[in-house]
N, C-alpha and C. Protein backbone atom coordinates (compact mmCIF):
# COMPACT_ATOMS: atom_id res chain seq x y z
N MET A 1 72.50 87.66 78.74
CA MET A 1 73.69 87.82 79.55
C MET A 1 73.34 87.52 81.00
N ASN A 2 74.22 86.94 81.68
CA ASN A 2 74.06 86.57 83.06
C ASN A 2 74.08 87.82 83.94
N LYS A 3 73.22 87.86 84.99
CA LYS A 3 73.15 89.03 85.86
C LYS A 3 74.43 89.22 86.67
N THR A 4 75.09 88.15 87.04
CA THR A 4 76.32 88.27 87.83
C THR A 4 77.46 88.85 86.99
N ILE A 5 77.52 88.52 85.71
CA ILE A 5 78.56 89.07 84.83
C ILE A 5 78.31 90.56 84.61
N ALA A 6 77.05 90.94 84.41
CA ALA A 6 76.71 92.35 84.21
C ALA A 6 77.02 93.15 85.47
N ALA A 7 76.77 92.59 86.64
CA ALA A 7 77.06 93.28 87.89
C ALA A 7 78.56 93.44 88.07
N ARG A 8 79.33 92.44 87.66
CA ARG A 8 80.79 92.51 87.77
C ARG A 8 81.37 93.61 86.87
N ARG A 9 80.83 93.81 85.71
CA ARG A 9 81.34 94.79 84.75
C ARG A 9 81.01 96.23 85.16
N THR A 10 79.98 96.44 85.92
CA THR A 10 79.59 97.79 86.30
C THR A 10 80.10 98.19 87.67
N GLY A 11 80.79 97.32 88.38
CA GLY A 11 81.29 97.62 89.71
C GLY A 11 82.56 98.47 89.67
N PHE A 12 83.20 98.59 90.83
CA PHE A 12 84.42 99.39 90.98
C PHE A 12 85.56 98.95 90.06
N PRO A 13 85.85 97.64 89.92
CA PRO A 13 86.96 97.23 89.03
C PRO A 13 86.75 97.69 87.59
N ALA A 14 85.53 97.67 87.12
CA ALA A 14 85.27 98.10 85.74
C ALA A 14 85.51 99.60 85.60
N GLN A 15 85.09 100.37 86.58
CA GLN A 15 85.32 101.82 86.54
C GLN A 15 86.81 102.12 86.63
N TRP A 16 87.51 101.36 87.45
CA TRP A 16 88.96 101.57 87.58
C TRP A 16 89.66 101.30 86.26
N ARG A 17 89.27 100.25 85.57
CA ARG A 17 89.89 99.94 84.27
C ARG A 17 89.63 101.06 83.27
N ARG A 18 88.44 101.61 83.31
CA ARG A 18 88.09 102.67 82.39
C ARG A 18 88.89 103.94 82.70
N TRP A 19 88.99 104.31 83.97
CA TRP A 19 89.69 105.54 84.35
C TRP A 19 91.21 105.38 84.34
N ARG A 20 91.69 104.16 84.43
CA ARG A 20 93.12 103.91 84.36
C ARG A 20 93.68 104.40 83.02
N TYR A 21 92.94 104.21 81.98
CA TYR A 21 93.34 104.69 80.65
C TYR A 21 93.45 106.22 80.65
N HIS A 22 92.46 106.90 81.23
CA HIS A 22 92.48 108.36 81.26
C HIS A 22 93.62 108.90 82.12
N LEU A 23 93.89 108.25 83.23
CA LEU A 23 94.99 108.68 84.10
C LEU A 23 96.34 108.50 83.43
N SER A 24 96.52 107.41 82.70
CA SER A 24 97.80 107.21 82.01
C SER A 24 97.98 108.24 80.90
N ALA A 25 96.91 108.62 80.23
CA ALA A 25 97.00 109.67 79.21
C ALA A 25 97.35 111.01 79.86
N LEU A 26 96.77 111.28 81.02
CA LEU A 26 97.09 112.51 81.74
C LEU A 26 98.55 112.55 82.16
N LEU A 27 99.07 111.41 82.62
CA LEU A 27 100.48 111.36 83.01
C LEU A 27 101.42 111.56 81.83
N LEU A 28 100.98 111.20 80.65
CA LEU A 28 101.80 111.45 79.45
C LEU A 28 101.72 112.91 79.00
N ILE A 29 100.58 113.55 79.21
CA ILE A 29 100.39 114.93 78.77
C ILE A 29 100.94 115.94 79.77
N LEU A 30 100.93 115.62 81.05
CA LEU A 30 101.36 116.55 82.10
C LEU A 30 102.77 117.11 81.89
N PRO A 31 103.77 116.31 81.52
CA PRO A 31 105.11 116.87 81.31
C PRO A 31 105.18 117.91 80.19
N LEU A 32 104.21 117.93 79.30
CA LEU A 32 104.21 118.93 78.23
C LEU A 32 104.14 120.35 78.78
N ALA A 33 103.60 120.51 79.98
CA ALA A 33 103.54 121.83 80.60
C ALA A 33 104.92 122.36 80.93
N TYR A 34 105.90 121.47 81.14
CA TYR A 34 107.25 121.88 81.50
C TYR A 34 108.17 122.03 80.30
N LEU A 35 107.72 121.68 79.12
CA LEU A 35 108.57 121.76 77.93
C LEU A 35 109.04 123.18 77.60
N PRO A 36 108.20 124.21 77.69
CA PRO A 36 108.72 125.56 77.39
C PRO A 36 109.88 125.96 78.29
N ARG A 37 109.80 125.68 79.56
CA ARG A 37 110.89 126.00 80.49
C ARG A 37 112.15 125.19 80.14
N TYR A 38 111.96 123.93 79.78
CA TYR A 38 113.09 123.07 79.41
C TYR A 38 113.80 123.61 78.17
N PHE A 39 113.03 123.96 77.14
CA PHE A 39 113.65 124.47 75.91
C PHE A 39 114.28 125.85 76.13
N ASP A 40 113.71 126.64 77.03
CA ASP A 40 114.31 127.93 77.37
C ASP A 40 115.66 127.73 78.06
N ASP A 41 115.72 126.80 79.01
CA ASP A 41 116.98 126.48 79.69
C ASP A 41 118.01 125.92 78.72
N LEU A 42 117.56 125.09 77.80
CA LEU A 42 118.45 124.49 76.81
C LEU A 42 119.04 125.56 75.89
N ALA A 43 118.22 126.50 75.44
CA ALA A 43 118.71 127.58 74.58
C ALA A 43 119.68 128.48 75.33
N LEU A 44 119.43 128.72 76.59
CA LEU A 44 120.33 129.55 77.40
C LEU A 44 121.66 128.84 77.60
N SER A 45 121.63 127.55 77.87
CA SER A 45 122.86 126.78 78.09
C SER A 45 123.69 126.66 76.81
N ARG A 46 123.04 126.54 75.68
CA ARG A 46 123.74 126.42 74.41
C ARG A 46 124.30 127.75 73.93
N GLY A 47 123.78 128.85 74.45
CA GLY A 47 124.22 130.16 74.01
C GLY A 47 123.36 130.75 72.91
N ASP A 48 122.25 130.10 72.59
CA ASP A 48 121.35 130.62 71.56
C ASP A 48 120.68 131.92 71.99
N LYS A 49 120.57 132.14 73.29
CA LYS A 49 119.93 133.35 73.81
C LYS A 49 120.95 134.38 74.27
N GLY A 50 122.19 134.23 73.85
CA GLY A 50 123.22 135.19 74.23
C GLY A 50 124.03 134.71 75.41
N LEU A 51 124.67 135.66 76.05
CA LEU A 51 125.57 135.36 77.16
C LEU A 51 124.82 134.98 78.43
N GLY A 52 123.64 135.51 78.61
CA GLY A 52 122.82 135.24 79.79
C GLY A 52 121.43 135.80 79.55
N GLN A 53 120.59 135.75 80.57
CA GLN A 53 119.24 136.28 80.40
C GLN A 53 119.24 137.80 80.31
N ARG A 54 120.21 138.44 80.96
CA ARG A 54 120.27 139.90 80.92
C ARG A 54 121.72 140.33 80.75
N GLU A 55 122.01 140.93 79.59
CA GLU A 55 123.37 141.39 79.34
C GLU A 55 123.57 142.76 79.96
N ILE A 56 124.63 142.89 80.75
CA ILE A 56 124.94 144.15 81.43
C ILE A 56 125.57 145.12 80.44
N GLY A 57 126.38 144.62 79.54
CA GLY A 57 126.94 145.47 78.50
C GLY A 57 128.42 145.24 78.28
N GLN A 58 128.93 145.98 77.31
CA GLN A 58 130.36 145.91 76.96
C GLN A 58 131.09 146.94 77.82
N GLN A 59 132.27 146.56 78.27
CA GLN A 59 133.05 147.43 79.16
C GLN A 59 134.52 147.29 78.81
N ALA A 60 135.22 148.41 78.83
CA ALA A 60 136.68 148.38 78.67
C ALA A 60 137.30 148.30 80.05
N VAL A 61 138.17 147.32 80.24
CA VAL A 61 138.88 147.15 81.50
C VAL A 61 140.36 147.19 81.16
N GLY A 62 140.98 148.34 81.41
CA GLY A 62 142.36 148.53 80.99
C GLY A 62 142.43 148.46 79.47
N PRO A 63 143.37 147.71 78.90
CA PRO A 63 143.48 147.61 77.45
C PRO A 63 142.52 146.58 76.84
N TRP A 64 141.76 145.88 77.67
CA TRP A 64 140.90 144.81 77.18
C TRP A 64 139.44 145.22 77.25
N SER A 65 138.64 144.59 76.40
CA SER A 65 137.19 144.82 76.47
C SER A 65 136.50 143.47 76.67
N LEU A 66 135.33 143.53 77.26
CA LEU A 66 134.59 142.30 77.58
C LEU A 66 133.12 142.60 77.64
N ARG A 67 132.33 141.53 77.67
CA ARG A 67 130.89 141.62 77.88
C ARG A 67 130.55 140.85 79.14
N LEU A 68 129.67 141.41 79.95
CA LEU A 68 129.26 140.78 81.21
C LEU A 68 127.74 140.63 81.19
N ALA A 69 127.25 139.52 81.76
CA ALA A 69 125.81 139.28 81.78
C ALA A 69 125.40 138.54 83.04
N GLU A 70 124.14 138.74 83.43
CA GLU A 70 123.52 137.95 84.50
C GLU A 70 123.04 136.65 83.87
N TRP A 71 123.33 135.53 84.48
CA TRP A 71 122.91 134.26 83.92
C TRP A 71 121.39 134.15 83.98
N ARG A 72 120.80 134.43 85.12
CA ARG A 72 119.35 134.41 85.28
C ARG A 72 118.89 135.69 85.98
N ILE A 73 117.74 136.17 85.57
CA ILE A 73 117.17 137.36 86.20
C ILE A 73 116.34 136.87 87.39
N GLU A 74 117.02 136.69 88.50
CA GLU A 74 116.35 136.23 89.72
C GLU A 74 117.19 136.65 90.92
N ALA A 75 116.60 136.58 92.08
CA ALA A 75 117.32 136.92 93.31
C ALA A 75 118.41 135.88 93.57
N PRO A 76 119.41 136.23 94.36
CA PRO A 76 120.46 135.26 94.69
C PRO A 76 119.87 134.02 95.36
N GLN A 77 120.45 132.87 95.05
CA GLN A 77 119.97 131.60 95.59
C GLN A 77 120.86 131.15 96.74
N ARG A 78 120.25 130.62 97.79
CA ARG A 78 121.01 130.11 98.93
C ARG A 78 121.69 128.81 98.54
N GLN A 79 123.00 128.73 98.79
CA GLN A 79 123.80 127.56 98.45
C GLN A 79 124.40 126.94 99.71
N GLY A 80 123.57 126.63 100.67
CA GLY A 80 124.02 125.99 101.90
C GLY A 80 124.91 126.89 102.73
N GLU A 81 126.03 126.35 103.20
CA GLU A 81 126.96 127.09 104.06
C GLU A 81 127.65 128.24 103.32
N ALA A 82 127.70 128.19 102.01
CA ALA A 82 128.36 129.24 101.23
C ALA A 82 127.57 130.54 101.24
N GLY A 83 126.31 130.49 101.59
CA GLY A 83 125.49 131.69 101.62
C GLY A 83 124.75 131.88 100.31
N TYR A 84 124.38 133.11 100.04
CA TYR A 84 123.63 133.43 98.83
C TYR A 84 124.59 133.67 97.67
N MET A 85 124.28 133.08 96.51
CA MET A 85 125.15 133.18 95.34
C MET A 85 124.34 133.67 94.14
N LYS A 86 125.05 134.36 93.26
CA LYS A 86 124.48 134.85 92.01
C LYS A 86 125.44 134.50 90.88
N VAL A 87 124.94 133.99 89.77
CA VAL A 87 125.79 133.55 88.66
C VAL A 87 125.88 134.64 87.60
N PHE A 88 127.11 134.95 87.20
CA PHE A 88 127.38 135.91 86.14
C PHE A 88 128.22 135.23 85.06
N THR A 89 128.11 135.72 83.84
CA THR A 89 128.91 135.20 82.73
C THR A 89 129.71 136.34 82.11
N LEU A 90 130.81 135.96 81.47
CA LEU A 90 131.74 136.95 80.91
C LEU A 90 132.26 136.42 79.58
N ALA A 91 132.42 137.32 78.61
CA ALA A 91 133.02 136.96 77.32
C ALA A 91 134.11 137.98 77.02
N LEU A 92 135.32 137.49 76.83
CA LEU A 92 136.45 138.36 76.49
C LEU A 92 136.44 138.64 74.99
N CYS A 93 137.07 139.75 74.59
CA CYS A 93 137.19 140.06 73.17
C CYS A 93 138.19 139.10 72.52
N LYS A 94 138.10 138.95 71.22
CA LYS A 94 138.96 137.99 70.51
C LYS A 94 140.44 138.34 70.64
N GLU A 95 140.75 139.63 70.64
CA GLU A 95 142.15 140.07 70.70
C GLU A 95 142.77 139.84 72.08
N CYS A 96 141.96 139.89 73.12
CA CYS A 96 142.53 139.82 74.47
C CYS A 96 142.47 138.42 75.09
N VAL A 97 142.01 137.43 74.35
CA VAL A 97 141.90 136.07 74.88
C VAL A 97 143.26 135.55 75.34
N GLY A 98 144.29 135.75 74.56
CA GLY A 98 145.62 135.24 74.91
C GLY A 98 146.36 136.09 75.92
N GLN A 99 145.82 137.27 76.24
CA GLN A 99 146.51 138.19 77.15
C GLN A 99 145.98 138.12 78.58
N VAL A 100 144.74 137.70 78.76
CA VAL A 100 144.12 137.68 80.09
C VAL A 100 144.36 136.33 80.75
N LYS A 101 144.95 136.38 81.94
CA LYS A 101 145.25 135.17 82.70
C LYS A 101 144.05 134.74 83.55
N ALA A 102 143.43 135.69 84.23
CA ALA A 102 142.33 135.37 85.13
C ALA A 102 141.38 136.55 85.25
N ALA A 103 140.12 136.25 85.55
CA ALA A 103 139.10 137.27 85.78
C ALA A 103 138.39 136.93 87.09
N TYR A 104 138.18 137.95 87.91
CA TYR A 104 137.54 137.78 89.22
C TYR A 104 136.38 138.76 89.34
N LEU A 105 135.36 138.40 90.11
CA LEU A 105 134.21 139.27 90.32
C LEU A 105 133.79 139.19 91.78
N ARG A 106 133.45 140.34 92.36
CA ARG A 106 132.97 140.36 93.74
C ARG A 106 132.12 141.59 94.00
N VAL A 107 131.34 141.53 95.07
CA VAL A 107 130.56 142.69 95.51
C VAL A 107 131.44 143.45 96.48
N GLY A 108 131.67 144.73 96.21
CA GLY A 108 132.55 145.55 97.03
C GLY A 108 133.96 145.56 96.46
N LYS A 109 134.68 146.65 96.72
CA LYS A 109 136.02 146.79 96.18
C LYS A 109 136.98 145.79 96.83
N PRO A 110 137.77 145.07 96.03
CA PRO A 110 138.73 144.12 96.59
C PRO A 110 139.87 144.84 97.30
N ARG A 111 140.31 144.29 98.42
CA ARG A 111 141.41 144.88 99.18
C ARG A 111 142.74 144.62 98.48
N SER A 112 142.86 143.44 97.86
CA SER A 112 144.10 143.07 97.17
C SER A 112 143.76 142.00 96.13
N LEU A 113 144.77 141.58 95.38
CA LEU A 113 144.55 140.53 94.39
C LEU A 113 144.22 139.20 95.06
N ARG A 114 144.67 139.02 96.29
CA ARG A 114 144.36 137.78 97.01
C ARG A 114 142.89 137.70 97.41
N ALA A 115 142.23 138.85 97.50
CA ALA A 115 140.81 138.89 97.84
C ALA A 115 140.01 139.46 96.67
N ALA A 116 140.40 139.09 95.46
CA ALA A 116 139.79 139.67 94.26
C ALA A 116 138.37 139.19 94.01
N GLY A 117 137.98 138.08 94.60
CA GLY A 117 136.61 137.60 94.43
C GLY A 117 136.54 136.23 93.81
N ALA A 118 135.39 135.95 93.22
CA ALA A 118 135.14 134.64 92.61
C ALA A 118 135.81 134.57 91.24
N LEU A 119 136.50 133.48 90.99
CA LEU A 119 137.24 133.27 89.75
C LEU A 119 136.32 132.78 88.64
N PHE A 120 136.41 133.41 87.48
CA PHE A 120 135.66 132.95 86.31
C PHE A 120 136.33 131.71 85.74
N SER A 121 135.54 130.77 85.25
CA SER A 121 136.10 129.57 84.62
C SER A 121 135.29 129.24 83.38
N GLY A 122 135.93 128.52 82.47
CA GLY A 122 135.27 128.12 81.24
C GLY A 122 136.01 128.65 80.03
N SER A 123 135.38 128.57 78.90
CA SER A 123 135.94 129.06 77.64
C SER A 123 136.09 130.58 77.73
N PRO A 124 137.12 131.16 77.09
CA PRO A 124 137.28 132.62 77.15
C PRO A 124 136.08 133.37 76.56
N TYR A 125 135.33 132.73 75.71
CA TYR A 125 134.17 133.37 75.09
C TYR A 125 132.90 133.20 75.91
N ARG A 126 132.97 132.40 76.97
CA ARG A 126 131.82 132.23 77.86
C ARG A 126 132.31 131.65 79.18
N GLN A 127 132.74 132.53 80.06
CA GLN A 127 133.20 132.12 81.38
C GLN A 127 132.09 132.39 82.38
N MET A 128 132.02 131.55 83.42
CA MET A 128 130.96 131.69 84.43
C MET A 128 131.56 131.69 85.82
N THR A 129 130.87 132.36 86.73
CA THR A 129 131.25 132.34 88.14
C THR A 129 130.02 132.52 89.01
N SER A 130 130.09 131.99 90.22
CA SER A 130 129.06 132.20 91.23
C SER A 130 129.62 133.16 92.26
N VAL A 131 129.05 134.34 92.33
CA VAL A 131 129.54 135.39 93.22
C VAL A 131 128.77 135.33 94.54
N PRO A 132 129.49 135.25 95.67
CA PRO A 132 128.79 135.32 96.96
C PRO A 132 128.21 136.72 97.17
N ILE A 133 126.96 136.79 97.54
CA ILE A 133 126.29 138.07 97.80
C ILE A 133 126.10 138.18 99.31
N PRO A 134 126.86 139.08 99.97
CA PRO A 134 126.69 139.23 101.42
C PRO A 134 125.30 139.79 101.74
N VAL A 135 124.65 139.22 102.72
CA VAL A 135 123.30 139.66 103.10
C VAL A 135 123.33 141.10 103.61
N ARG A 136 124.44 141.49 104.24
CA ARG A 136 124.53 142.84 104.80
C ARG A 136 125.11 143.86 103.83
N ALA A 137 125.29 143.50 102.58
CA ALA A 137 125.80 144.46 101.58
C ALA A 137 124.74 145.53 101.33
N ALA A 138 125.21 146.73 101.03
CA ALA A 138 124.29 147.83 100.73
C ALA A 138 123.73 147.65 99.32
N PRO A 139 122.46 148.02 99.11
CA PRO A 139 121.89 147.90 97.76
C PRO A 139 122.59 148.80 96.74
N ASP A 140 123.28 149.84 97.20
CA ASP A 140 124.00 150.72 96.28
C ASP A 140 125.48 150.34 96.17
N ALA A 141 125.83 149.12 96.55
CA ALA A 141 127.21 148.65 96.45
C ALA A 141 127.60 148.49 94.98
N ASP A 142 128.88 148.31 94.75
CA ASP A 142 129.39 148.13 93.39
C ASP A 142 129.81 146.68 93.17
N LEU A 143 129.70 146.25 91.94
CA LEU A 143 130.19 144.95 91.50
C LEU A 143 131.54 145.19 90.83
N TRP A 144 132.60 144.62 91.39
CA TRP A 144 133.97 144.88 90.92
C TRP A 144 134.49 143.70 90.13
N LEU A 145 135.04 144.01 88.96
CA LEU A 145 135.67 143.02 88.09
C LEU A 145 137.16 143.29 88.06
N THR A 146 137.96 142.27 88.31
CA THR A 146 139.42 142.38 88.28
C THR A 146 139.95 141.44 87.21
N LEU A 147 140.74 141.98 86.29
CA LEU A 147 141.38 141.17 85.26
C LEU A 147 142.88 141.17 85.50
N GLU A 148 143.47 139.99 85.44
CA GLU A 148 144.91 139.84 85.62
C GLU A 148 145.49 139.34 84.30
N GLY A 149 146.51 140.04 83.82
CA GLY A 149 147.14 139.66 82.56
C GLY A 149 148.32 138.73 82.76
N TRP A 150 148.74 138.07 81.68
CA TRP A 150 149.89 137.18 81.74
C TRP A 150 151.17 137.95 82.01
N ASP A 151 151.17 139.24 81.71
CA ASP A 151 152.36 140.06 81.98
C ASP A 151 152.39 140.58 83.41
N GLY A 152 151.41 140.21 84.23
CA GLY A 152 151.37 140.63 85.63
C GLY A 152 150.54 141.88 85.88
N SER A 153 150.04 142.51 84.84
CA SER A 153 149.24 143.72 85.03
C SER A 153 147.86 143.36 85.58
N VAL A 154 147.32 144.27 86.39
CA VAL A 154 146.01 144.08 87.00
C VAL A 154 145.16 145.31 86.67
N HIS A 155 143.97 145.07 86.15
CA HIS A 155 143.05 146.15 85.79
C HIS A 155 141.70 145.86 86.42
N GLN A 156 141.03 146.94 86.86
CA GLN A 156 139.74 146.78 87.53
C GLN A 156 138.70 147.70 86.92
N ALA A 157 137.46 147.27 87.01
CA ALA A 157 136.31 148.08 86.60
C ALA A 157 135.17 147.76 87.56
N SER A 158 134.24 148.70 87.66
CA SER A 158 133.11 148.46 88.56
C SER A 158 131.81 148.91 87.91
N TRP A 159 130.73 148.29 88.34
CA TRP A 159 129.39 148.65 87.94
C TRP A 159 128.57 148.83 89.21
N PRO A 160 127.67 149.80 89.25
CA PRO A 160 126.73 149.85 90.37
C PRO A 160 125.87 148.59 90.35
N LEU A 161 125.64 148.00 91.50
CA LEU A 161 124.88 146.75 91.57
C LEU A 161 123.47 146.92 91.02
N LYS A 162 122.88 148.10 91.21
CA LYS A 162 121.53 148.31 90.69
C LYS A 162 121.51 148.35 89.17
N GLN A 163 122.64 148.64 88.53
CA GLN A 163 122.73 148.59 87.07
C GLN A 163 123.11 147.18 86.61
N ALA A 164 124.01 146.54 87.32
CA ALA A 164 124.48 145.20 86.94
C ALA A 164 123.42 144.13 87.20
N SER A 165 122.72 144.23 88.31
CA SER A 165 121.70 143.24 88.66
C SER A 165 120.61 143.91 89.49
N PRO A 166 119.61 144.50 88.83
CA PRO A 166 118.53 145.17 89.57
C PRO A 166 117.79 144.24 90.53
N THR A 167 117.63 142.98 90.17
CA THR A 167 116.92 142.05 91.06
C THR A 167 117.72 141.79 92.33
N THR A 168 119.05 141.74 92.22
CA THR A 168 119.89 141.55 93.40
C THR A 168 119.84 142.79 94.29
N ALA A 169 119.87 143.98 93.68
CA ALA A 169 119.78 145.22 94.46
C ALA A 169 118.43 145.29 95.18
N ALA A 170 117.36 144.90 94.52
CA ALA A 170 116.04 144.89 95.16
C ALA A 170 116.00 143.86 96.28
N TRP A 171 116.63 142.71 96.07
CA TRP A 171 116.70 141.66 97.10
C TRP A 171 117.47 142.16 98.31
N LEU A 172 118.58 142.86 98.09
CA LEU A 172 119.37 143.41 99.20
C LEU A 172 118.58 144.48 99.95
N ARG A 173 117.83 145.30 99.23
CA ARG A 173 117.00 146.32 99.86
C ARG A 173 115.96 145.65 100.75
N LYS A 174 115.36 144.58 100.26
CA LYS A 174 114.36 143.84 101.04
C LYS A 174 115.00 143.18 102.26
N GLN A 175 116.21 142.63 102.10
CA GLN A 175 116.92 142.01 103.22
C GLN A 175 117.24 143.05 104.29
N GLY A 176 117.59 144.27 103.87
CA GLY A 176 117.90 145.34 104.81
C GLY A 176 116.69 145.78 105.61
N GLU A 177 115.52 145.74 104.97
CA GLU A 177 114.29 146.12 105.66
C GLU A 177 113.87 145.09 106.70
N THR A 178 114.15 143.82 106.44
CA THR A 178 113.72 142.77 107.37
C THR A 178 114.66 142.62 108.56
N GLN A 179 115.88 143.15 108.45
CA GLN A 179 116.83 143.00 109.56
C GLN A 179 116.78 144.17 110.50
């Protein structure tokens, strides 16, 4: 074999060709680390894991019953100018689907139906809303749910925020300490 050919094969280009194969294999294997999170998100979106990551429970609101859940067990996320938001899901009972016109959720007691809070949207068996979480809200505040019926009736229920979303209550406590 010629000395110049042997020198060419052992130089930098030859090493690069050899390691290029290993790097491409690594780039194919690296996304596998994110697959568990992807399948977890997919199961949550499909409803295979229930209404949300943490179900708050069944509650009677006037003549209707429903289930409420936290979509994700995490602190509220900043959504630009809208401030910090937290996503909740709601499922109405089969009997009350045709009777409930709208469902609203907010932190703190609503002053009127015009300020009832964030409107739930979606299928009656899985409605979602993003609730604005005021930074200055007290950690012991209540989460208020308002249901409006087609007959004009309005019914309300509340949960302590530390029961409905312990992570949000802890986040509010931390926000209060830093201010």
